[in-house]
Structures are given as structure tokens and as C-alpha cells.
């Protein structure tokens, strides 16, 4: 898990549910310990990077959270490595602390909740999971 600062001391976050075709984005903070789905970025390459840069400029988070998928038994797979690479790229480009969160079942939970934008709702679930872990 990568991290540069103690998350308890941080205020606001942007969270990402990484996918090769889409990235869900949510925002939240330590004060309320809640997260709100923002949107799904359905662009790739430099356009995705530019869209993330615009969100970071708009929301000015103290840190970023990236959901990292794993098999049900916790084992890594190809998308685990892709999400971790995405997290490293965010940290390098934006010079913000990046926290990785095990995101198993976040999409299932978003579907069960009837979310219209599953990717953004999954990002919110990932962020709330992170916020609860920091609080408890």
C-alpha cells in the first residue's frame, strides 16, 4: 500500500474505481466520513489523464484513493497490477499521497444499491471503506 502521509490528518479525497475502459470517481472527506459519486471517465490515455487533472484542480483533494481488485481469496491478478500501476502514475504526476484499498465486491454492492452510474458508485464505496478503516 503506497502512502506518504497519515490519512487521519488529511481532509478531502478523490477516489478512483480503475478500469481499463472506464474510471469511476468519487469525493469525500474525513470530517463527515462519507463519499459522493462524481462521474465516470470513459476516456483513455492522455484524455483520461487530463480529465483527472481537471478533477484534481477542481476538488483540490489532500490525497487520492485507488481501489485495487483482487480474487475472492485475496490473490492478485492482471487487473490488480494495472490498478497499482495507475496508483503509481497518479502519485508521480500529481505529487499527492495515494492510498490503495482492496475493492473486492464494490461493484456488486453498487449494483445491489441500485446505482445508475456503477463505476462512480463503486468509487464512493471504495472511499467510504477507506474512511471507515481510518476512523476505526
Foldseek 3Di string as FASTA:
>chain_A
DFFDDQQLPFFKEWEWEDDQQKIWIWIDTLVVLFIDTDAIDRDDDPVVVVVVVVVCVVPVGQAYEYEAEDPPVRHHDPSNVVRVVVQVVCCVPVVHTYHYFHQPCLLVVLVVVVDPHSNSSSRRVRSSVVSVVSVD
